[in-house]
């Protein structure tokens, strides 16, 4: 137990050293034509050691490191049990393991085999009653603006007006009248007016 705590603390220090602490400076480059000046020795971060020591001693950091290690272990087991599905474990609360997958198709596949995944986790000693499988939301691109529809050509409107005049059914005549009014040909056009 003590060795795993030390290993986690060492990993935490390495991660913090790579992400938080700036690399040591080598000093500014010498501009051409200037007399030679000795380069300054690289600056050392004075606060790096106390911060890392404080993080090693902080119980909240140690608890967070333990939780992270546990979630990574769960993710490995789930990845193996699911046949290599691209899963990301995002949390475990009240017996519900939350898993994020790349899309809805993966979510559907994993929901179908959820009982076998829960059984595989139980064989590893993890008490999980259910999985909450969520697809990762992709940033949706805005739909391109719709191009305005072109109005129907006058020949088509004239043909609709002729059909309206010849139609015997009043319902069809009313529908054609509404269509002609919507397209700006409210007054009936005579078919003779259109030349071909």
N, C-alpha and C. Protein backbone atom coordinates (compact mmCIF):
# COMPACT_ATOMS: atom_id res chain seq x y z
N UNK A 1 0.83 -1.20 0.00
CA UNK A 1 0.00 0.00 0.00
C UNK A 1 0.86 1.24 0.00
N UNK A 2 1.91 1.22 0.82
CA UNK A 2 2.80 2.37 0.93
C UNK A 2 3.55 2.61 -0.39
N UNK A 3 3.97 1.50 -1.07
CA UNK A 3 4.71 1.65 -2.32
C UNK A 3 3.82 2.20 -3.43
N UNK A 4 2.53 1.79 -3.45
CA UNK A 4 1.64 2.32 -4.48
C UNK A 4 1.36 3.80 -4.23
N UNK A 5 1.30 4.22 -2.98
CA UNK A 5 1.11 5.64 -2.67
C UNK A 5 2.32 6.43 -3.13
N UNK A 6 3.50 5.89 -2.90
CA UNK A 6 4.71 6.58 -3.35
C UNK A 6 4.75 6.65 -4.87
N UNK A 7 4.35 5.58 -5.54
CA UNK A 7 4.36 5.57 -7.00
C UNK A 7 3.38 6.60 -7.56
N UNK A 8 2.20 6.68 -6.94
CA UNK A 8 1.22 7.68 -7.39
C UNK A 8 1.73 9.09 -7.15
N UNK A 9 2.36 9.31 -6.03
CA UNK A 9 2.90 10.63 -5.73
C UNK A 9 4.00 10.99 -6.72
N UNK A 10 4.83 10.00 -7.08
CA UNK A 10 5.89 10.26 -8.06
C UNK A 10 5.30 10.59 -9.42
N UNK A 11 4.23 9.86 -9.81
CA UNK A 11 3.57 10.18 -11.08
C UNK A 11 2.97 11.57 -11.05
N UNK A 12 2.36 11.93 -9.92
CA UNK A 12 1.78 13.26 -9.79
C UNK A 12 2.84 14.34 -9.89
N UNK A 13 3.99 14.11 -9.27
CA UNK A 13 5.08 15.09 -9.36
C UNK A 13 5.56 15.22 -10.80
N UNK A 14 5.67 14.10 -11.50
CA UNK A 14 6.14 14.14 -12.89
C UNK A 14 5.16 14.88 -13.78
N UNK A 15 3.88 14.64 -13.57
CA UNK A 15 2.87 15.33 -14.38
C UNK A 15 2.91 16.82 -14.10
N UNK A 16 2.97 17.19 -12.83
CA UNK A 16 3.02 18.61 -12.49
C UNK A 16 4.28 19.27 -13.01
N UNK A 17 5.39 18.56 -12.96
CA UNK A 17 6.64 19.13 -13.45
C UNK A 17 6.56 19.40 -14.94
N UNK A 18 5.85 18.54 -15.69
CA UNK A 18 5.74 18.74 -17.13
C UNK A 18 4.73 19.81 -17.49
N UNK A 19 3.65 19.95 -16.72
CA UNK A 19 2.57 20.83 -17.11
C UNK A 19 2.59 22.20 -16.46
N UNK A 20 3.00 22.29 -15.19
CA UNK A 20 2.91 23.56 -14.47
C UNK A 20 4.21 24.34 -14.52
N UNK A 21 5.33 23.67 -14.31
CA UNK A 21 6.59 24.38 -14.17
C UNK A 21 7.18 24.72 -15.53
N UNK A 22 7.61 25.96 -15.75
CA UNK A 22 8.19 26.33 -17.04
C UNK A 22 9.57 25.71 -17.19
N UNK A 23 10.01 25.44 -18.45
CA UNK A 23 11.35 24.90 -18.64
C UNK A 23 12.39 25.96 -18.26
N UNK A 24 13.56 25.54 -17.80
CA UNK A 24 14.57 26.52 -17.42
C UNK A 24 15.00 27.35 -18.61
N UNK A 25 15.24 28.63 -18.36
CA UNK A 25 15.62 29.56 -19.43
C UNK A 25 17.11 29.44 -19.70
N UNK A 26 17.49 29.53 -20.96
CA UNK A 26 18.89 29.48 -21.36
C UNK A 26 19.47 30.89 -21.54
N UNK A 27 18.67 31.88 -21.34
CA UNK A 27 19.13 33.26 -21.52
C UNK A 27 18.83 33.75 -22.93
N UNK A 28 18.80 35.06 -23.14
CA UNK A 28 18.47 35.58 -24.45
C UNK A 28 19.61 35.34 -25.44
N UNK A 29 19.25 35.22 -26.72
CA UNK A 29 20.26 35.06 -27.77
C UNK A 29 21.01 36.38 -27.94
N UNK A 30 22.26 36.28 -28.31
CA UNK A 30 23.10 37.48 -28.47
C UNK A 30 22.81 38.10 -29.84
N UNK A 31 22.37 39.39 -29.91
CA UNK A 31 22.13 40.02 -31.20
C UNK A 31 23.46 40.24 -31.93
N UNK A 32 23.45 40.14 -33.29
CA UNK A 32 24.68 40.33 -34.04
C UNK A 32 25.19 41.76 -33.89
N UNK A 33 26.51 41.91 -33.86
CA UNK A 33 27.11 43.24 -33.77
C UNK A 33 27.27 43.74 -32.35
N UNK A 34 26.79 43.03 -31.36
CA UNK A 34 26.89 43.46 -29.97
C UNK A 34 28.12 42.79 -29.35
N UNK A 35 28.76 43.44 -28.40
CA UNK A 35 29.89 42.79 -27.74
C UNK A 35 29.40 41.57 -26.98
N UNK A 36 30.27 40.58 -26.86
CA UNK A 36 29.91 39.31 -26.22
C UNK A 36 29.63 39.54 -24.74
N UNK A 37 28.54 38.99 -24.30
CA UNK A 37 28.20 39.02 -22.88
C UNK A 37 28.02 37.59 -22.41
N UNK A 38 28.43 37.34 -21.22
CA UNK A 38 28.27 35.99 -20.69
C UNK A 38 26.79 35.69 -20.49
N UNK A 39 26.42 34.49 -20.84
CA UNK A 39 25.04 34.07 -20.65
C UNK A 39 24.78 33.88 -19.16
N UNK A 40 23.61 34.23 -18.76
CA UNK A 40 23.21 34.04 -17.37
C UNK A 40 22.97 32.56 -17.12
N UNK A 41 23.23 32.13 -15.92
CA UNK A 41 22.94 30.72 -15.64
C UNK A 41 21.43 30.49 -15.71
N UNK A 42 21.01 29.28 -16.06
CA UNK A 42 19.57 29.01 -16.15
C UNK A 42 18.89 29.26 -14.80
N UNK A 43 17.69 29.83 -14.90
CA UNK A 43 16.94 30.12 -13.68
C UNK A 43 16.29 28.84 -13.17
N UNK A 44 16.35 28.65 -11.90
CA UNK A 44 15.70 27.50 -11.28
C UNK A 44 14.42 27.97 -10.61
N UNK A 45 13.40 27.18 -10.75
CA UNK A 45 12.14 27.51 -10.09
C UNK A 45 12.29 27.21 -8.60
N UNK A 46 12.23 28.25 -7.81
CA UNK A 46 12.45 28.08 -6.37
C UNK A 46 11.26 27.43 -5.67
N UNK A 47 10.07 27.62 -6.26
CA UNK A 47 8.88 27.13 -5.59
C UNK A 47 8.53 25.70 -5.97
N UNK A 48 9.23 25.09 -6.91
CA UNK A 48 8.83 23.78 -7.41
C UNK A 48 8.90 22.70 -6.33
N UNK A 49 9.92 22.67 -5.56
CA UNK A 49 10.06 21.63 -4.54
C UNK A 49 9.01 21.75 -3.45
N UNK A 50 8.79 22.93 -2.88
CA UNK A 50 7.76 23.01 -1.84
C UNK A 50 6.36 22.66 -2.35
N UNK A 51 6.04 23.03 -3.61
CA UNK A 51 4.71 22.73 -4.14
C UNK A 51 4.53 21.22 -4.25
N UNK A 52 5.54 20.55 -4.79
CA UNK A 52 5.43 19.11 -4.93
C UNK A 52 5.39 18.42 -3.58
N UNK A 53 6.13 18.90 -2.63
CA UNK A 53 6.11 18.31 -1.29
C UNK A 53 4.74 18.53 -0.65
N UNK A 54 4.20 19.72 -0.84
CA UNK A 54 2.88 20.02 -0.29
C UNK A 54 1.84 19.09 -0.90
N UNK A 55 1.94 18.85 -2.23
CA UNK A 55 0.97 17.97 -2.88
C UNK A 55 1.10 16.53 -2.37
N UNK A 56 2.34 16.11 -2.07
CA UNK A 56 2.52 14.76 -1.51
C UNK A 56 1.87 14.65 -0.14
N UNK A 57 1.89 15.70 0.62
CA UNK A 57 1.35 15.66 1.98
C UNK A 57 -0.14 15.95 2.04
N UNK A 58 -0.69 16.50 0.98
CA UNK A 58 -2.10 16.90 0.98
C UNK A 58 -3.00 15.67 0.82
N UNK A 59 -3.87 15.40 1.79
CA UNK A 59 -4.73 14.21 1.69
C UNK A 59 -5.72 14.30 0.53
N UNK A 60 -6.17 15.50 0.19
CA UNK A 60 -7.12 15.64 -0.92
C UNK A 60 -6.45 15.25 -2.24
N UNK A 61 -5.19 15.65 -2.41
CA UNK A 61 -4.46 15.29 -3.62
C UNK A 61 -4.25 13.78 -3.68
N UNK A 62 -3.89 13.18 -2.57
CA UNK A 62 -3.70 11.73 -2.55
C UNK A 62 -4.99 11.00 -2.86
N UNK A 63 -6.11 11.50 -2.32
CA UNK A 63 -7.41 10.88 -2.61
C UNK A 63 -7.75 11.03 -4.09
N UNK A 64 -7.50 12.20 -4.65
CA UNK A 64 -7.75 12.42 -6.07
C UNK A 64 -6.89 11.51 -6.93
N UNK A 65 -5.64 11.33 -6.55
CA UNK A 65 -4.75 10.44 -7.29
C UNK A 65 -5.25 9.00 -7.21
N UNK A 66 -5.75 8.58 -6.05
CA UNK A 66 -6.30 7.22 -5.90
C UNK A 66 -7.54 7.04 -6.79
N UNK A 67 -8.43 8.04 -6.77
CA UNK A 67 -9.64 7.95 -7.59
C UNK A 67 -9.28 7.88 -9.08
N UNK A 68 -8.31 8.66 -9.49
CA UNK A 68 -7.88 8.65 -10.88
C UNK A 68 -7.32 7.28 -11.26
N UNK A 69 -6.49 6.71 -10.40
CA UNK A 69 -5.94 5.38 -10.66
C UNK A 69 -7.05 4.33 -10.74
N UNK A 70 -8.03 4.43 -9.86
CA UNK A 70 -9.14 3.48 -9.88
C UNK A 70 -9.95 3.60 -11.17
N UNK A 71 -10.22 4.83 -11.62
CA UNK A 71 -10.98 5.02 -12.86
C UNK A 71 -10.20 4.51 -14.07
N UNK A 72 -8.90 4.72 -14.08
CA UNK A 72 -8.09 4.21 -15.19
C UNK A 72 -8.10 2.69 -15.19
N UNK A 73 -8.03 2.06 -14.02
CA UNK A 73 -8.09 0.60 -13.94
C UNK A 73 -9.45 0.09 -14.43
N UNK A 74 -10.53 0.77 -14.03
CA UNK A 74 -11.87 0.40 -14.51
C UNK A 74 -11.97 0.54 -16.03
N UNK A 75 -11.36 1.57 -16.55
CA UNK A 75 -11.40 1.79 -18.00
C UNK A 75 -10.69 0.65 -18.73
N UNK A 76 -9.56 0.20 -18.20
CA UNK A 76 -8.84 -0.93 -18.82
C UNK A 76 -9.70 -2.19 -18.82
N UNK A 77 -10.33 -2.49 -17.68
CA UNK A 77 -11.16 -3.68 -17.57
C UNK A 77 -12.33 -3.58 -18.54
N UNK A 78 -12.97 -2.43 -18.60
CA UNK A 78 -14.13 -2.23 -19.47
C UNK A 78 -13.72 -2.31 -20.94
N UNK A 79 -12.57 -1.76 -21.27
CA UNK A 79 -12.07 -1.81 -22.65
C UNK A 79 -11.85 -3.26 -23.07
N UNK A 80 -11.26 -4.04 -22.19
CA UNK A 80 -10.99 -5.45 -22.49
C UNK A 80 -12.30 -6.24 -22.57
N UNK A 81 -13.22 -6.01 -21.64
CA UNK A 81 -14.48 -6.75 -21.61
C UNK A 81 -15.38 -6.41 -22.79
N UNK A 82 -15.26 -5.20 -23.32
CA UNK A 82 -16.13 -4.77 -24.42
C UNK A 82 -15.55 -5.12 -25.78
N UNK A 83 -14.44 -5.82 -25.80
CA UNK A 83 -13.86 -6.20 -27.09
C UNK A 83 -13.12 -5.06 -27.77
N UNK A 84 -12.59 -4.14 -27.00
CA UNK A 84 -11.81 -3.05 -27.57
C UNK A 84 -12.61 -1.82 -27.93
N UNK A 85 -13.78 -1.67 -27.37
CA UNK A 85 -14.59 -0.48 -27.66
C UNK A 85 -13.90 0.76 -27.11
N UNK A 86 -13.99 1.88 -27.81
CA UNK A 86 -13.33 3.10 -27.34
C UNK A 86 -14.11 3.76 -26.21
N UNK A 87 -13.90 3.30 -25.00
CA UNK A 87 -14.64 3.80 -23.83
C UNK A 87 -13.77 4.72 -23.01
N UNK A 88 -14.41 5.70 -22.39
CA UNK A 88 -13.75 6.58 -21.43
C UNK A 88 -14.61 6.60 -20.18
N UNK A 89 -14.04 6.14 -19.08
CA UNK A 89 -14.77 6.14 -17.81
C UNK A 89 -14.70 7.55 -17.24
N UNK A 90 -15.86 8.12 -16.95
CA UNK A 90 -15.86 9.50 -16.45
C UNK A 90 -16.25 9.62 -14.99
N UNK A 91 -16.76 8.55 -14.40
CA UNK A 91 -17.08 8.66 -12.98
C UNK A 91 -17.76 7.41 -12.45
N UNK A 92 -17.71 7.27 -11.14
CA UNK A 92 -18.36 6.18 -10.44
C UNK A 92 -19.02 6.77 -9.21
N UNK A 93 -20.34 6.68 -9.15
CA UNK A 93 -21.08 7.22 -8.01
C UNK A 93 -22.30 6.37 -7.75
N UNK A 94 -22.50 5.99 -6.50
CA UNK A 94 -23.68 5.23 -6.06
C UNK A 94 -23.89 3.96 -6.88
N UNK A 95 -22.83 3.26 -7.21
CA UNK A 95 -22.94 2.01 -7.95
C UNK A 95 -23.21 2.17 -9.43
N UNK A 96 -23.17 3.39 -9.94
CA UNK A 96 -23.39 3.65 -11.36
C UNK A 96 -22.08 4.13 -11.97
N UNK A 97 -21.60 3.38 -12.95
CA UNK A 97 -20.37 3.75 -13.65
C UNK A 97 -20.75 4.50 -14.91
N UNK A 98 -20.29 5.75 -15.02
CA UNK A 98 -20.59 6.56 -16.19
C UNK A 98 -19.49 6.39 -17.21
N UNK A 99 -19.90 6.02 -18.43
CA UNK A 99 -18.97 5.74 -19.52
C UNK A 99 -19.33 6.63 -20.70
N UNK A 100 -18.31 7.22 -21.32
CA UNK A 100 -18.51 8.07 -22.49
C UNK A 100 -17.91 7.35 -23.69
N UNK A 101 -18.67 7.29 -24.78
CA UNK A 101 -18.22 6.65 -26.02
C UNK A 101 -18.30 7.66 -27.16
N UNK A 102 -17.59 7.40 -28.28
CA UNK A 102 -17.51 8.41 -29.35
C UNK A 102 -18.83 8.76 -30.03
N UNK A 103 -19.79 7.87 -30.06
CA UNK A 103 -21.02 8.22 -30.76
C UNK A 103 -22.19 7.35 -30.32
N UNK A 104 -23.35 7.62 -30.91
CA UNK A 104 -24.58 6.92 -30.55
C UNK A 104 -24.52 5.44 -30.93
N UNK A 105 -23.81 5.11 -32.01
CA UNK A 105 -23.72 3.71 -32.42
C UNK A 105 -22.97 2.89 -31.37
N UNK A 106 -21.88 3.44 -30.86
CA UNK A 106 -21.13 2.74 -29.80
C UNK A 106 -21.98 2.64 -28.54
N UNK A 107 -22.71 3.69 -28.22
CA UNK A 107 -23.56 3.66 -27.03
C UNK A 107 -24.61 2.56 -27.15
N UNK A 108 -25.20 2.43 -28.32
CA UNK A 108 -26.21 1.40 -28.54
C UNK A 108 -25.61 0.00 -28.41
N UNK A 109 -24.43 -0.21 -28.98
CA UNK A 109 -23.77 -1.52 -28.90
C UNK A 109 -23.48 -1.89 -27.44
N UNK A 110 -22.95 -0.93 -26.69
CA UNK A 110 -22.59 -1.23 -25.30
C UNK A 110 -23.82 -1.42 -24.42
N UNK A 111 -24.92 -0.72 -24.72
CA UNK A 111 -26.14 -0.92 -23.94
C UNK A 111 -26.68 -2.34 -24.13
N UNK A 112 -26.46 -2.90 -25.32
CA UNK A 112 -26.94 -4.26 -25.58
C UNK A 112 -26.17 -5.30 -24.76
N UNK A 113 -24.90 -5.03 -24.47
CA UNK A 113 -24.09 -6.00 -23.73
C UNK A 113 -23.81 -5.53 -22.30
N UNK A 114 -24.61 -4.61 -21.81
CA UNK A 114 -24.39 -4.05 -20.47
C UNK A 114 -24.34 -5.12 -19.38
N UNK A 115 -25.22 -6.13 -19.37
CA UNK A 115 -25.14 -7.14 -18.30
C UNK A 115 -23.80 -7.89 -18.29
N UNK A 116 -23.28 -8.19 -19.47
CA UNK A 116 -21.99 -8.90 -19.49
C UNK A 116 -20.85 -7.99 -19.06
N UNK A 117 -20.94 -6.69 -19.34
CA UNK A 117 -19.92 -5.76 -18.89
C UNK A 117 -19.95 -5.60 -17.37
N UNK A 118 -21.14 -5.54 -16.79
CA UNK A 118 -21.27 -5.44 -15.34
C UNK A 118 -20.73 -6.71 -14.69
N UNK A 119 -20.98 -7.87 -15.32
CA UNK A 119 -20.46 -9.14 -14.79
C UNK A 119 -18.94 -9.17 -14.86
N UNK A 120 -18.36 -8.65 -15.95
CA UNK A 120 -16.90 -8.62 -16.08
C UNK A 120 -16.29 -7.71 -15.01
N UNK A 121 -16.95 -6.59 -14.73
CA UNK A 121 -16.46 -5.71 -13.66
C UNK A 121 -16.58 -6.39 -12.30
N UNK A 122 -17.64 -7.16 -12.09
CA UNK A 122 -17.83 -7.87 -10.82
C UNK A 122 -16.74 -8.93 -10.63
N UNK A 123 -16.33 -9.59 -11.73
CA UNK A 123 -15.25 -10.58 -11.62
C UNK A 123 -13.94 -9.93 -11.20
N UNK A 124 -13.78 -8.66 -11.52
CA UNK A 124 -12.57 -7.93 -11.12
C UNK A 124 -12.69 -7.34 -9.72
N UNK A 125 -13.84 -7.53 -9.09
CA UNK A 125 -14.02 -7.06 -7.72
C UNK A 125 -14.62 -5.67 -7.62
N UNK A 126 -15.19 -5.17 -8.69
CA UNK A 126 -15.79 -3.83 -8.69
C UNK A 126 -17.30 -3.98 -8.54
N UNK A 127 -17.86 -3.31 -7.55
CA UNK A 127 -19.30 -3.38 -7.33
C UNK A 127 -19.98 -2.27 -8.11
N UNK A 128 -20.50 -2.64 -9.26
CA UNK A 128 -21.23 -1.72 -10.12
C UNK A 128 -22.58 -2.35 -10.40
N UNK A 129 -23.67 -1.62 -10.11
CA UNK A 129 -25.00 -2.15 -10.38
C UNK A 129 -25.42 -1.89 -11.83
N UNK A 130 -25.00 -0.75 -12.36
CA UNK A 130 -25.41 -0.44 -13.74
C UNK A 130 -24.40 0.49 -14.39
N UNK A 131 -24.47 0.55 -15.71
CA UNK A 131 -23.63 1.46 -16.49
C UNK A 131 -24.51 2.57 -17.04
N UNK A 132 -23.98 3.75 -17.03
CA UNK A 132 -24.65 4.88 -17.67
C UNK A 132 -23.78 5.22 -18.87
N UNK A 133 -24.25 4.88 -20.07
CA UNK A 133 -23.46 5.03 -21.28
C UNK A 133 -23.96 6.25 -22.04
N UNK A 134 -23.05 7.19 -22.23
CA UNK A 134 -23.43 8.44 -22.91
C UNK A 134 -22.55 8.63 -24.14
N UNK A 135 -23.15 9.02 -25.26
CA UNK A 135 -22.32 9.36 -26.42
C UNK A 135 -21.68 10.72 -26.23
N UNK A 136 -20.46 10.86 -26.70
CA UNK A 136 -19.76 12.14 -26.61
C UNK A 136 -20.42 13.11 -27.59
N UNK A 137 -20.70 14.27 -27.12
CA UNK A 137 -21.35 15.26 -27.97
C UNK A 137 -20.32 15.93 -28.86
N UNK A 138 -20.61 15.91 -30.12
CA UNK A 138 -19.74 16.56 -31.09
C UNK A 138 -20.24 17.99 -31.28
N UNK A 139 -19.32 18.87 -31.52
CA UNK A 139 -19.71 20.25 -31.80
C UNK A 139 -20.42 20.26 -33.15
N UNK A 140 -21.66 20.65 -33.12
CA UNK A 140 -22.44 20.64 -34.35
C UNK A 140 -22.14 21.90 -35.16
N UNK A 141 -21.88 21.68 -36.43
CA UNK A 141 -21.65 22.81 -37.32
C UNK A 141 -23.00 23.44 -37.63
N UNK A 142 -22.99 24.73 -37.77
CA UNK A 142 -24.22 25.43 -38.10
C UNK A 142 -24.66 25.02 -39.50
N UNK A 143 -25.94 24.79 -39.64
CA UNK A 143 -26.47 24.40 -40.95
C UNK A 143 -26.23 25.54 -41.94
N UNK A 144 -25.83 25.19 -43.15
CA UNK A 144 -25.62 26.25 -44.13
C UNK A 144 -26.93 26.95 -44.44
N UNK A 145 -26.87 28.23 -44.71
CA UNK A 145 -28.12 28.95 -45.00
C UNK A 145 -28.77 28.38 -46.25
N UNK A 146 -30.07 28.27 -46.18
CA UNK A 146 -30.81 27.72 -47.32
C UNK A 146 -30.91 28.77 -48.42
N UNK A 147 -30.65 28.30 -49.61
CA UNK A 147 -30.77 29.19 -50.76
C UNK A 147 -32.26 29.45 -51.01
N UNK A 148 -32.62 30.67 -51.34
CA UNK A 148 -34.03 30.94 -51.61
C UNK A 148 -34.48 30.18 -52.86
N UNK A 149 -35.70 29.70 -52.79
CA UNK A 149 -36.23 28.96 -53.92
C UNK A 149 -36.53 29.91 -55.07
N UNK A 150 -36.25 29.42 -56.25
CA UNK A 150 -36.56 30.22 -57.43
C UNK A 150 -38.07 30.16 -57.66
N UNK A 151 -38.64 31.27 -58.09
CA UNK A 151 -40.08 31.23 -58.38
C UNK A 151 -40.32 30.37 -59.63
N UNK A 152 -41.48 29.75 -59.70
CA UNK A 152 -41.78 28.94 -60.88
C UNK A 152 -41.82 29.82 -62.13
N UNK A 153 -41.40 29.28 -63.25
CA UNK A 153 -41.43 30.08 -64.48
C UNK A 153 -42.86 30.43 -64.88
N UNK A 154 -43.02 31.49 -65.65
CA UNK A 154 -44.38 31.91 -66.05
C UNK A 154 -45.12 30.82 -66.82
N UNK A 155 -44.39 29.99 -67.58
CA UNK A 155 -45.05 28.92 -68.34
C UNK A 155 -45.72 27.93 -67.39
N UNK A 156 -45.05 27.61 -66.26
CA UNK A 156 -45.61 26.68 -65.29
C UNK A 156 -46.84 27.27 -64.63
N UNK A 157 -46.78 28.57 -64.30
CA UNK A 157 -47.94 29.22 -63.68
C UNK A 157 -49.11 29.26 -64.65
N UNK A 158 -48.82 29.49 -65.93
CA UNK A 158 -49.89 29.50 -66.94
C UNK A 158 -50.52 28.12 -67.07
N UNK A 159 -49.70 27.06 -67.00
CA UNK A 159 -50.22 25.70 -67.10
C UNK A 159 -51.09 25.37 -65.89
N UNK A 160 -50.68 25.83 -64.69
CA UNK A 160 -51.50 25.61 -63.50
C UNK A 160 -52.83 26.36 -63.59
N UNK A 161 -52.79 27.59 -64.14
CA UNK A 161 -54.02 28.36 -64.29
C UNK A 161 -54.96 27.67 -65.27
N UNK A 162 -54.42 27.10 -66.35
CA UNK A 162 -55.25 26.39 -67.33
C UNK A 162 -55.84 25.14 -66.69
N UNK A 163 -55.05 24.43 -65.88
CA UNK A 163 -55.54 23.25 -65.20
C UNK A 163 -56.66 23.61 -64.23
N UNK A 164 -56.51 24.74 -63.58
CA UNK A 164 -57.53 25.19 -62.64
C UNK A 164 -58.84 25.47 -63.36
N UNK A 165 -58.73 26.09 -64.55
CA UNK A 165 -59.94 26.42 -65.31
C UNK A 165 -60.63 25.15 -65.81
N UNK A 166 -59.85 24.12 -66.13
CA UNK A 166 -60.42 22.89 -66.68
C UNK A 166 -60.87 21.91 -65.60
N UNK A 167 -60.38 22.07 -64.37
CA UNK A 167 -60.69 21.11 -63.32
C UNK A 167 -62.16 21.19 -62.96
N UNK A 168 -62.77 20.01 -62.82
CA UNK A 168 -64.19 19.98 -62.48
C UNK A 168 -64.42 19.95 -60.98
N UNK A 169 -63.45 19.47 -60.22
CA UNK A 169 -63.64 19.34 -58.78
C UNK A 169 -63.35 20.66 -58.09
N UNK A 170 -64.29 21.16 -57.26
CA UNK A 170 -64.07 22.44 -56.59
C UNK A 170 -62.88 22.41 -55.62
N UNK A 171 -62.63 21.28 -54.99
CA UNK A 171 -61.50 21.20 -54.04
C UNK A 171 -60.19 21.37 -54.79
N UNK A 172 -60.07 20.76 -55.98
CA UNK A 172 -58.86 20.90 -56.78
C UNK A 172 -58.72 22.34 -57.27
N UNK A 173 -59.80 22.97 -57.66
CA UNK A 173 -59.75 24.36 -58.10
C UNK A 173 -59.26 25.27 -56.97
N UNK A 174 -59.75 25.03 -55.74
CA UNK A 174 -59.34 25.85 -54.60
C UNK A 174 -57.85 25.64 -54.28
N UNK A 175 -57.41 24.40 -54.35
CA UNK A 175 -56.00 24.11 -54.08
C UNK A 175 -55.11 24.78 -55.11
N UNK A 176 -55.47 24.71 -56.36
CA UNK A 176 -54.68 25.35 -57.42
C UNK A 176 -54.72 26.87 -57.28
N UNK A 177 -55.86 27.42 -56.85
CA UNK A 177 -55.96 28.87 -56.64
C UNK A 177 -55.02 29.31 -55.52
N UNK A 178 -54.96 28.52 -54.43
CA UNK A 178 -54.05 28.85 -53.33
C UNK A 178 -52.58 28.77 -53.78
N UNK A 179 -52.27 27.77 -54.59
CA UNK A 179 -50.90 27.63 -55.08
C UNK A 179 -50.52 28.81 -55.97
N UNK A 180 -51.42 29.20 -56.84
CA UNK A 180 -51.15 30.34 -57.73
C UNK A 180 -51.02 31.64 -56.92
N UNK A 181 -51.84 31.80 -55.88
CA UNK A 181 -51.77 33.01 -55.05
C UNK A 181 -50.45 33.04 -54.28
N UNK A 182 -50.01 31.88 -53.81
CA UNK A 182 -48.75 31.82 -53.06
C UNK A 182 -47.56 32.20 -53.94
N UNK A 183 -47.63 31.87 -55.19
CA UNK A 183 -46.52 32.17 -56.10
C UNK A 183 -46.70 33.48 -56.86
N UNK A 184 -47.66 34.27 -56.44
CA UNK A 184 -47.79 35.61 -57.00
C UNK A 184 -48.58 35.67 -58.28
N UNK A 185 -49.31 34.65 -58.57
CA UNK A 185 -50.14 34.68 -59.78
C UNK A 185 -51.59 34.56 -59.37
N UNK A 186 -52.04 35.49 -58.56
CA UNK A 186 -53.40 35.46 -58.03
C UNK A 186 -54.45 35.56 -59.11
N UNK A 187 -54.20 36.34 -60.12
CA UNK A 187 -55.17 36.44 -61.19
C UNK A 187 -54.92 35.30 -62.18
N UNK A 188 -55.94 34.67 -62.64
CA UNK A 188 -55.76 33.56 -63.55
C UNK A 188 -55.10 34.02 -64.83
N UNK A 189 -54.09 33.29 -65.24
CA UNK A 189 -53.41 33.57 -66.50
C UNK A 189 -54.06 32.76 -67.60
N UNK A 190 -54.12 33.38 -68.75
CA UNK A 190 -54.71 32.64 -69.87
C UNK A 190 -53.60 31.87 -70.57
N UNK A 191 -53.83 30.60 -70.92
CA UNK A 191 -52.80 29.81 -71.58
C UNK A 191 -52.38 30.40 -72.91
N UNK A 192 -53.26 31.17 -73.56
CA UNK A 192 -52.91 31.74 -74.87
C UNK A 192 -51.84 32.81 -74.71
N UNK A 193 -51.72 33.40 -73.51
CA UNK A 193 -50.76 34.48 -73.31
C UNK A 193 -49.34 33.97 -73.29
N UNK A 194 -49.15 32.69 -73.03
CA UNK A 194 -47.82 32.13 -72.96
C UNK A 194 -47.43 31.58 -74.32
N UNK A 195 -46.33 32.06 -74.86
CA UNK A 195 -45.85 31.56 -76.15
C UNK A 195 -44.75 30.55 -75.92
N UNK A 196 -44.74 29.57 -76.77
CA UNK A 196 -43.70 28.55 -76.65
C UNK A 196 -42.69 28.72 -77.74
